[in-house]
C-alpha atoms as a PDB file:
ATOM      1  CA  UNK A   1     -19.603  -4.218   5.871  1.00  0.00           C
ATOM      2  CA  UNK A   2     -18.752  -3.583   2.238  1.00  0.00           C
ATOM      3  CA  UNK A   3     -20.497  -0.507   0.863  1.00  0.00           C
ATOM      4  CA  UNK A   4     -20.683  -0.900  -2.936  1.00  0.00           C
ATOM      5  CA  UNK A   5     -22.242   2.508  -3.561  1.00  0.00           C
ATOM      6  CA  UNK A   6     -19.390   4.258  -1.781  1.00  0.00           C
ATOM      7  CA  UNK A   7     -16.820   2.238  -3.690  1.00  0.00           C
ATOM      8  CA  UNK A   8     -18.599   2.973  -6.979  1.00  0.00           C
ATOM      9  CA  UNK A   9     -18.567   6.671  -6.211  1.00  0.00           C
ATOM     10  CA  UNK A  10     -14.845   6.602  -5.486  1.00  0.00           C
ATOM     11  CA  UNK A  11     -14.261   4.624  -8.687  1.00  0.00           C
ATOM     12  CA  UNK A  12     -15.952   7.363 -10.666  1.00  0.00           C
ATOM     13  CA  UNK A  13     -14.032  10.057  -8.802  1.00  0.00           C
ATOM     14  CA  UNK A  14     -10.603   8.480  -9.248  1.00  0.00           C
ATOM     15  CA  UNK A  15     -11.271   7.771 -12.892  1.00  0.00           C
ATOM     16  CA  UNK A  16     -12.279  11.313 -13.823  1.00  0.00           C
ATOM     17  CA  UNK A  17     -11.343  13.993 -11.322  1.00  0.00           C
ATOM     18  CA  UNK A  18      -7.826  15.229 -10.760  1.00  0.00           C
ATOM     19  CA  UNK A  19      -6.330  12.903 -13.378  1.00  0.00           C
ATOM     20  CA  UNK A  20      -2.922  13.609 -14.807  1.00  0.00           C
ATOM     21  CA  UNK A  21      -3.133  15.960 -17.751  1.00  0.00           C
ATOM     22  CA  UNK A  22      -0.534  16.035 -20.481  1.00  0.00           C
ATOM     23  CA  UNK A  23       0.087  19.390 -22.150  1.00  0.00           C
ATOM     24  CA  UNK A  24      -2.766  20.255 -24.496  1.00  0.00           C
ATOM     25  CA  UNK A  25      -2.302  21.333 -28.108  1.00  0.00           C
ATOM     26  CA  UNK A  26      -2.981  24.903 -27.036  1.00  0.00           C
ATOM     27  CA  UNK A  27      -0.386  24.737 -24.272  1.00  0.00           C
ATOM     28  CA  UNK A  28       2.190  23.197 -26.601  1.00  0.00           C
ATOM     29  CA  UNK A  29       1.567  25.947 -29.155  1.00  0.00           C
ATOM     30  CA  UNK A  30       2.446  28.481 -26.467  1.00  0.00           C
ATOM     31  CA  UNK A  31       5.679  26.737 -25.471  1.00  0.00           C
ATOM     32  CA  UNK A  32       9.117  28.116 -26.166  1.00  0.00           C
ATOM     33  CA  UNK A  33      12.596  27.485 -24.854  1.00  0.00           C
ATOM     34  CA  UNK A  34      13.110  24.472 -22.628  1.00  0.00           C
ATOM     35  CA  UNK A  35       9.464  23.434 -22.500  1.00  0.00           C
ATOM     36  CA  UNK A  36       9.199  23.267 -26.281  1.00  0.00           C
ATOM     37  CA  UNK A  37      12.549  21.512 -26.634  1.00  0.00           C
ATOM     38  CA  UNK A  38      11.533  19.006 -23.937  1.00  0.00           C
ATOM     39  CA  UNK A  39       8.235  18.267 -25.664  1.00  0.00           C
ATOM     40  CA  UNK A  40       9.982  17.743 -28.995  1.00  0.00           C
ATOM     41  CA  UNK A  41      12.873  15.726 -27.567  1.00  0.00           C
ATOM     42  CA  UNK A  42      15.651  18.058 -28.684  1.00  0.00           C
ATOM     43  CA  UNK A  43      18.495  17.225 -26.289  1.00  0.00           C
ATOM     44  CA  UNK A  44      21.194  19.348 -27.959  1.00  0.00           C
ATOM     45  CA  UNK A  45      18.950  22.402 -27.880  1.00  0.00           C
ATOM     46  CA  UNK A  46      18.234  21.829 -24.190  1.00  0.00           C
ATOM     47  CA  UNK A  47      21.943  21.735 -23.425  1.00  0.00           C
ATOM     48  CA  UNK A  48      22.512  24.932 -25.395  1.00  0.00           C
ATOM     49  CA  UNK A  49      19.624  26.705 -23.686  1.00  0.00           C
ATOM     50  CA  UNK A  50      21.005  25.747 -20.279  1.00  0.00           C
ATOM     51  CA  UNK A  51      24.408  27.150 -21.250  1.00  0.00           C
ATOM     52  CA  UNK A  52      22.627  30.370 -22.200  1.00  0.00           C
ATOM     53  CA  UNK A  53      21.085  30.556 -18.725  1.00  0.00           C
ATOM     54  CA  UNK A  54      17.669  28.919 -19.094  1.00  0.00           C
ATOM     55  CA  UNK A  55      16.142  27.685 -15.822  1.00  0.00           C
ATOM     56  CA  UNK A  56      15.650  23.875 -15.882  1.00  0.00           C
ATOM     57  CA  UNK A  57      13.017  24.248 -13.154  1.00  0.00           C
ATOM     58  CA  UNK A  58      10.883  26.811 -14.971  1.00  0.00           C
ATOM     59  CA  UNK A  59       7.140  26.135 -14.830  1.00  0.00           C
ATOM     60  CA  UNK A  60       4.399  26.349 -17.435  1.00  0.00           C
ATOM     61  CA  UNK A  61       0.881  27.534 -16.584  1.00  0.00           C
ATOM     62  CA  UNK A  62       0.031  24.117 -15.108  1.00  0.00           C
ATOM     63  CA  UNK A  63       3.157  24.012 -12.978  1.00  0.00           C
ATOM     64  CA  UNK A  64       4.961  21.554 -15.221  1.00  0.00           C
ATOM     65  CA  UNK A  65       8.734  21.721 -15.417  1.00  0.00           C
ATOM     66  CA  UNK A  66      10.471  20.687 -18.647  1.00  0.00           C
ATOM     67  CA  UNK A  67      11.034  17.276 -17.010  1.00  0.00           C
ATOM     68  CA  UNK A  68       7.273  16.787 -16.547  1.00  0.00           C
ATOM     69  CA  UNK A  69       6.723  17.718 -20.183  1.00  0.00           C
ATOM     70  CA  UNK A  70       9.415  15.288 -21.301  1.00  0.00           C
ATOM     71  CA  UNK A  71       7.885  12.530 -19.169  1.00  0.00           C
ATOM     72  CA  UNK A  72       4.458  13.000 -20.760  1.00  0.00           C
ATOM     73  CA  UNK A  73       6.170  12.820 -24.178  1.00  0.00           C
ATOM     74  CA  UNK A  74       8.296   9.779 -23.182  1.00  0.00           C
ATOM     75  CA  UNK A  75      11.584  11.509 -23.995  1.00  0.00           C
ATOM     76  CA  UNK A  76      13.856   9.709 -21.557  1.00  0.00           C
ATOM     77  CA  UNK A  77      17.043  11.183 -22.985  1.00  0.00           C
ATOM     78  CA  UNK A  78      15.691  14.667 -22.335  1.00  0.00           C
ATOM     79  CA  UNK A  79      15.034  13.827 -18.704  1.00  0.00           C
ATOM     80  CA  UNK A  80      18.616  12.594 -18.349  1.00  0.00           C
ATOM     81  CA  UNK A  81      19.922  15.835 -19.840  1.00  0.00           C
ATOM     82  CA  UNK A  82      17.753  17.915 -17.526  1.00  0.00           C
ATOM     83  CA  UNK A  83      18.793  15.905 -14.478  1.00  0.00           C
ATOM     84  CA  UNK A  84      22.443  16.490 -15.363  1.00  0.00           C
ATOM     85  CA  UNK A  85      21.923  20.255 -15.152  1.00  0.00           C
ATOM     86  CA  UNK A  86      20.015  20.242 -11.876  1.00  0.00           C
ATOM     87  CA  UNK A  87      16.325  19.840 -12.609  1.00  0.00           C
ATOM     88  CA  UNK A  88      14.350  18.990  -9.466  1.00  0.00           C
ATOM     89  CA  UNK A  89      13.324  15.376 -10.079  1.00  0.00           C
ATOM     90  CA  UNK A  90      10.936  15.542  -7.123  1.00  0.00           C
ATOM     91  CA  UNK A  91       9.057  18.605  -8.337  1.00  0.00           C
ATOM     92  CA  UNK A  92       5.262  18.334  -8.340  1.00  0.00           C
ATOM     93  CA  UNK A  93       3.133  20.021 -10.975  1.00  0.00           C
ATOM     94  CA  UNK A  94      -0.166  21.687 -10.084  1.00  0.00           C
ATOM     95  CA  UNK A  95      -2.056  18.386  -9.906  1.00  0.00           C
ATOM     96  CA  UNK A  96       0.668  17.123  -7.563  1.00  0.00           C
ATOM     97  CA  UNK A  97       2.299  14.615  -9.891  1.00  0.00           C
ATOM     98  CA  UNK A  98       6.007  14.027 -10.323  1.00  0.00           C
ATOM     99  CA  UNK A  99       7.902  12.411 -13.199  1.00  0.00           C
ATOM    100  CA  UNK A 100       7.829   9.029 -11.461  1.00  0.00           C
ATOM    101  CA  UNK A 101       4.047   8.960 -11.015  1.00  0.00           C
ATOM    102  CA  UNK A 102       3.542  10.174 -14.583  1.00  0.00           C
ATOM    103  CA  UNK A 103       5.682   7.236 -15.741  1.00  0.00           C
ATOM    104  CA  UNK A 104       3.834   4.824 -13.443  1.00  0.00           C
ATOM    105  CA  UNK A 105       0.424   5.827 -14.799  1.00  0.00           C
ATOM    106  CA  UNK A 106       1.747   5.607 -18.374  1.00  0.00           C
ATOM    107  CA  UNK A 107       2.921   2.025 -17.671  1.00  0.00           C
ATOM    108  CA  UNK A 108       6.484   2.920 -18.639  1.00  0.00           C
ATOM    109  CA  UNK A 109       8.786   0.641 -16.607  1.00  0.00           C
ATOM    110  CA  UNK A 110      11.958   1.970 -18.212  1.00  0.00           C
ATOM    111  CA  UNK A 111      11.152   5.563 -17.321  1.00  0.00           C
ATOM    112  CA  UNK A 112      10.144   4.462 -13.814  1.00  0.00           C
ATOM    113  CA  UNK A 113      13.574   2.900 -13.271  1.00  0.00           C
ATOM    114  CA  UNK A 114      15.343   5.850 -14.891  1.00  0.00           C
ATOM    115  CA  UNK A 115      13.495   8.414 -12.780  1.00  0.00           C
ATOM    116  CA  UNK A 116      14.455   6.626  -9.576  1.00  0.00           C
ATOM    117  CA  UNK A 117      18.071   6.366 -10.745  1.00  0.00           C
ATOM    118  CA  UNK A 118      18.071  10.114 -11.358  1.00  0.00           C
ATOM    119  CA  UNK A 119      16.847  10.853  -7.833  1.00  0.00           C
ATOM    120  CA  UNK A 120      13.052  10.814  -8.111  1.00  0.00           C
ATOM    121  CA  UNK A 121      12.008   9.309  -4.790  1.00  0.00           C
ATOM    122  CA  UNK A 122       9.412   6.497  -4.764  1.00  0.00           C
ATOM    123  CA  UNK A 123       8.428   7.639  -1.262  1.00  0.00           C
ATOM    124  CA  UNK A 124       7.109  10.975  -2.513  1.00  0.00           C
ATOM    125  CA  UNK A 125       3.454  11.742  -1.693  1.00  0.00           C
ATOM    126  CA  UNK A 126       1.680  12.597  -4.936  1.00  0.00           C
ATOM    127  CA  UNK A 127      -1.797  13.477  -6.243  1.00  0.00           C
ATOM    128  CA  UNK A 128      -4.684  15.089  -4.392  1.00  0.00           C
ATOM    129  CA  UNK A 129      -5.325  11.676  -2.865  1.00  0.00           C
ATOM    130  CA  UNK A 130      -2.033  11.797  -0.915  1.00  0.00           C
ATOM    131  CA  UNK A 131      -0.960   8.664  -2.714  1.00  0.00           C
ATOM    132  CA  UNK A 132       2.267   7.388  -4.227  1.00  0.00           C
ATOM    133  CA  UNK A 133       3.493   6.204  -7.603  1.00  0.00           C
ATOM    134  CA  UNK A 134       3.054   2.649  -6.303  1.00  0.00           C
ATOM    135  CA  UNK A 135      -0.607   3.174  -5.448  1.00  0.00           C
ATOM    136  CA  UNK A 136      -1.233   4.730  -8.856  1.00  0.00           C
ATOM    137  CA  UNK A 137       0.399   1.793 -10.652  1.00  0.00           C
ATOM    138  CA  UNK A 138      -1.345  -0.812  -8.493  1.00  0.00           C
ATOM    139  CA  UNK A 139      -4.714   0.807  -9.142  1.00  0.00           C
ATOM    140  CA  UNK A 140      -4.149   0.356 -12.895  1.00  0.00           C
ATOM    141  CA  UNK A 141      -2.664  -3.148 -12.754  1.00  0.00           C
ATOM    142  CA  UNK A 142       0.718  -2.069 -14.109  1.00  0.00           C
ATOM    143  CA  UNK A 143       2.489  -5.029 -12.539  1.00  0.00           C
ATOM    144  CA  UNK A 144       5.952  -4.516 -14.080  1.00  0.00           C
ATOM    145  CA  UNK A 145       5.956  -0.925 -12.871  1.00  0.00           C
ATOM    146  CA  UNK A 146       4.773  -2.109  -9.455  1.00  0.00           C
ATOM    147  CA  UNK A 147       7.625  -4.627  -9.359  1.00  0.00           C
ATOM    148  CA  UNK A 148      10.209  -1.948 -10.134  1.00  0.00           C
ATOM    149  CA  UNK A 149       8.784   0.445  -7.574  1.00  0.00           C
ATOM    150  CA  UNK A 150       8.766  -2.252  -4.892  1.00  0.00           C
ATOM    151  CA  UNK A 151      12.380  -3.103  -5.738  1.00  0.00           C
ATOM    152  CA  UNK A 152      13.200   0.608  -5.583  1.00  0.00           C
ATOM    153  CA  UNK A 153      11.918   0.976  -2.037  1.00  0.00           C
ATOM    154  CA  UNK A 154       8.424   2.352  -2.553  1.00  0.00           C
ATOM    155  CA  UNK A 155       6.385   2.314   0.681  1.00  0.00           C
ATOM    156  CA  UNK A 156       4.233  -0.804   0.441  1.00  0.00           C
ATOM    157  CA  UNK A 157       1.747   0.098   3.144  1.00  0.00           C
ATOM    158  CA  UNK A 158       1.205   3.819   2.661  1.00  0.00           C
ATOM    159  CA  UNK A 159      -2.464   4.670   3.202  1.00  0.00           C
ATOM    160  CA  UNK A 160      -3.855   7.458   1.013  1.00  0.00           C
ATOM    161  CA  UNK A 161      -6.606   9.877   1.995  1.00  0.00           C
ATOM    162  CA  UNK A 162      -9.226   7.456   0.675  1.00  0.00           C
ATOM    163  CA  UNK A 163      -8.050   5.033   3.341  1.00  0.00           C
ATOM    164  CA  UNK A 164      -6.500   2.621   0.843  1.00  0.00           C
ATOM    165  CA  UNK A 165      -3.092   1.024   0.386  1.00  0.00           C
ATOM    166  CA  UNK A 166      -1.645  -0.110  -2.946  1.00  0.00           C
ATOM    167  CA  UNK A 167      -2.899  -3.627  -2.221  1.00  0.00           C
ATOM    168  CA  UNK A 168      -6.383  -2.375  -1.411  1.00  0.00           C
ATOM    169  CA  UNK A 169      -6.525  -0.342  -4.625  1.00  0.00           C
ATOM    170  CA  UNK A 170      -5.318  -3.309  -6.671  1.00  0.00           C
ATOM    171  CA  UNK A 171      -8.351  -5.223  -5.421  1.00  0.00           C
ATOM    172  CA  UNK A 172     -11.029  -2.546  -5.076  1.00  0.00           C
ATOM    173  CA  UNK A 173     -10.237  -0.551  -8.219  1.00  0.00           C
ATOM    174  CA  UNK A 174      -9.121  -3.482 -10.360  1.00  0.00           C
ATOM    175  CA  UNK A 175     -11.127  -5.880 -12.498  1.00  0.00           C
ATOM    176  CA  UNK A 176      -9.688  -9.086 -11.073  1.00  0.00           C
ATOM    177  CA  UNK A 177      -8.032  -9.869 -14.406  1.00  0.00           C
ATOM    178  CA  UNK A 178      -4.572 -11.139 -15.271  1.00  0.00           C
ATOM    179  CA  UNK A 179      -2.739  -7.846 -14.787  1.00  0.00           C
ATOM    180  CA  UNK A 180      -4.447  -7.205 -11.470  1.00  0.00           C
ATOM    181  CA  UNK A 181      -3.632 -10.721 -10.256  1.00  0.00           C
ATOM    182  CA  UNK A 182       0.030 -10.200 -11.132  1.00  0.00           C
ATOM    183  CA  UNK A 183      -0.017  -6.855  -9.363  1.00  0.00           C
ATOM    184  CA  UNK A 184      -1.390  -8.420  -6.185  1.00  0.00           C
ATOM    185  CA  UNK A 185       1.205 -11.188  -6.447  1.00  0.00           C
ATOM    186  CA  UNK A 186       4.051  -8.662  -6.629  1.00  0.00           C
ATOM    187  CA  UNK A 187       2.699  -6.749  -3.634  1.00  0.00           C
ATOM    188  CA  UNK A 188       2.182  -9.894  -1.565  1.00  0.00           C
ATOM    189  CA  UNK A 189       5.621 -11.245  -2.453  1.00  0.00           C
ATOM    190  CA  UNK A 190       7.081  -7.850  -1.558  1.00  0.00           C
ATOM    191  CA  UNK A 191       5.603  -8.041   1.930  1.00  0.00           C
ATOM    192  CA  UNK A 192       2.555  -5.783   1.706  1.00  0.00           C
ATOM    193  CA  UNK A 193       0.486  -5.892   4.882  1.00  0.00           C
ATOM    194  CA  UNK A 194      -2.680  -7.778   3.975  1.00  0.00           C
ATOM    195  CA  UNK A 195      -4.368  -6.971   7.275  1.00  0.00           C
ATOM    196  CA  UNK A 196      -4.744  -3.214   6.678  1.00  0.00           C
ATOM    197  CA  UNK A 197      -8.472  -2.600   6.342  1.00  0.00           C
ATOM    198  CA  UNK A 198     -10.350   0.230   4.679  1.00  0.00           C
ATOM    199  CA  UNK A 199     -12.315   2.793   6.670  1.00  0.00           C
ATOM    200  CA  UNK A 200     -15.251   0.410   6.897  1.00  0.00           C
ATOM    201  CA  UNK A 201     -13.087  -2.295   8.453  1.00  0.00           C
ATOM    202  CA  UNK A 202     -13.037  -4.423   5.293  1.00  0.00           C
ATOM    203  CA  UNK A 203      -9.817  -6.208   4.338  1.00  0.00           C
ATOM    204  CA  UNK A 204      -8.438  -6.751   0.822  1.00  0.00           C
ATOM    205  CA  UNK A 205      -9.329 -10.437   1.137  1.00  0.00           C
ATOM    206  CA  UNK A 206     -12.937  -9.645   2.018  1.00  0.00           C
ATOM    207  CA  UNK A 207     -13.210  -7.278  -0.946  1.00  0.00           C
ATOM    208  CA  UNK A 208     -11.750  -9.914  -3.263  1.00  0.00           C
ATOM    209  CA  UNK A 209     -14.223 -12.514  -2.023  1.00  0.00           C
ATOM    210  CA  UNK A 210     -17.156 -10.132  -2.425  1.00  0.00           C
ATOM    211  CA  UNK A 211     -16.133  -9.499  -6.043  1.00  0.00           C
ATOM    212  CA  UNK A 212     -15.559 -13.144  -6.887  1.00  0.00           C
ATOM    213  CA  UNK A 213     -11.873 -12.623  -7.688  1.00  0.00           C
ATOM    214  CA  UNK A 214     -10.936 -16.236  -7.022  1.00  0.00           C
ATOM    215  CA  UNK A 215      -7.269 -16.000  -8.073  1.00  0.00           C
ATOM    216  CA  UNK A 216      -6.706 -12.966  -5.880  1.00  0.00           C
ATOM    217  CA  UNK A 217      -8.514 -14.680  -3.007  1.00  0.00           C
ATOM    218  CA  UNK A 218      -6.078 -17.617  -3.348  1.00  0.00           C
ATOM    219  CA  UNK A 219      -3.124 -15.245  -3.138  1.00  0.00           C
ATOM    220  CA  UNK A 220      -4.473 -13.519  -0.037  1.00  0.00           C
ATOM    221  CA  UNK A 221      -5.703 -16.508   1.929  1.00  0.00           C
END
């Protein structure tokens, strides 16, 4: 049985609570050293600071490393420079996000590919929902990101603590539109298990039918 009130409650929760949070203006004003250089994209300064002994894995008050800050600011060249001097590409900030999941939520395919190349694992469990970068991207219909994560070896059938896979989130938390259809197509073509049901025993296909998502139903039947 599909329980729309439960799904609606989870929709509200996932849309508001525990979301990724980029550094605020107040936090940025307090930055110095590597965190400030990362936010502003100053690669040469980062290299000089490292030579002077700065810690590439230093954390701000929210647990962000300079690499997290650079990811929020879309400074790919900074992330490369930090990776070259030993930044932990799999570090999680206080909300349990890594560079890869930050890039996935931002719909930044180039940074997604770069992060994986630099050692950020697509298998990492992220967020308070025990999810993955793939689940986060599928939820939002970021189909190009989903395609790159699938190609990079992201776990297709990981079930988060809501009881949902990437495919389930693409259906349940999507709007059935073009981007969501493409996302489902990528997951299906990649071999996602369509039989994994939610905690109420409802399959992705059943959810798609209940919502009238005819194109997604065609892909799943």
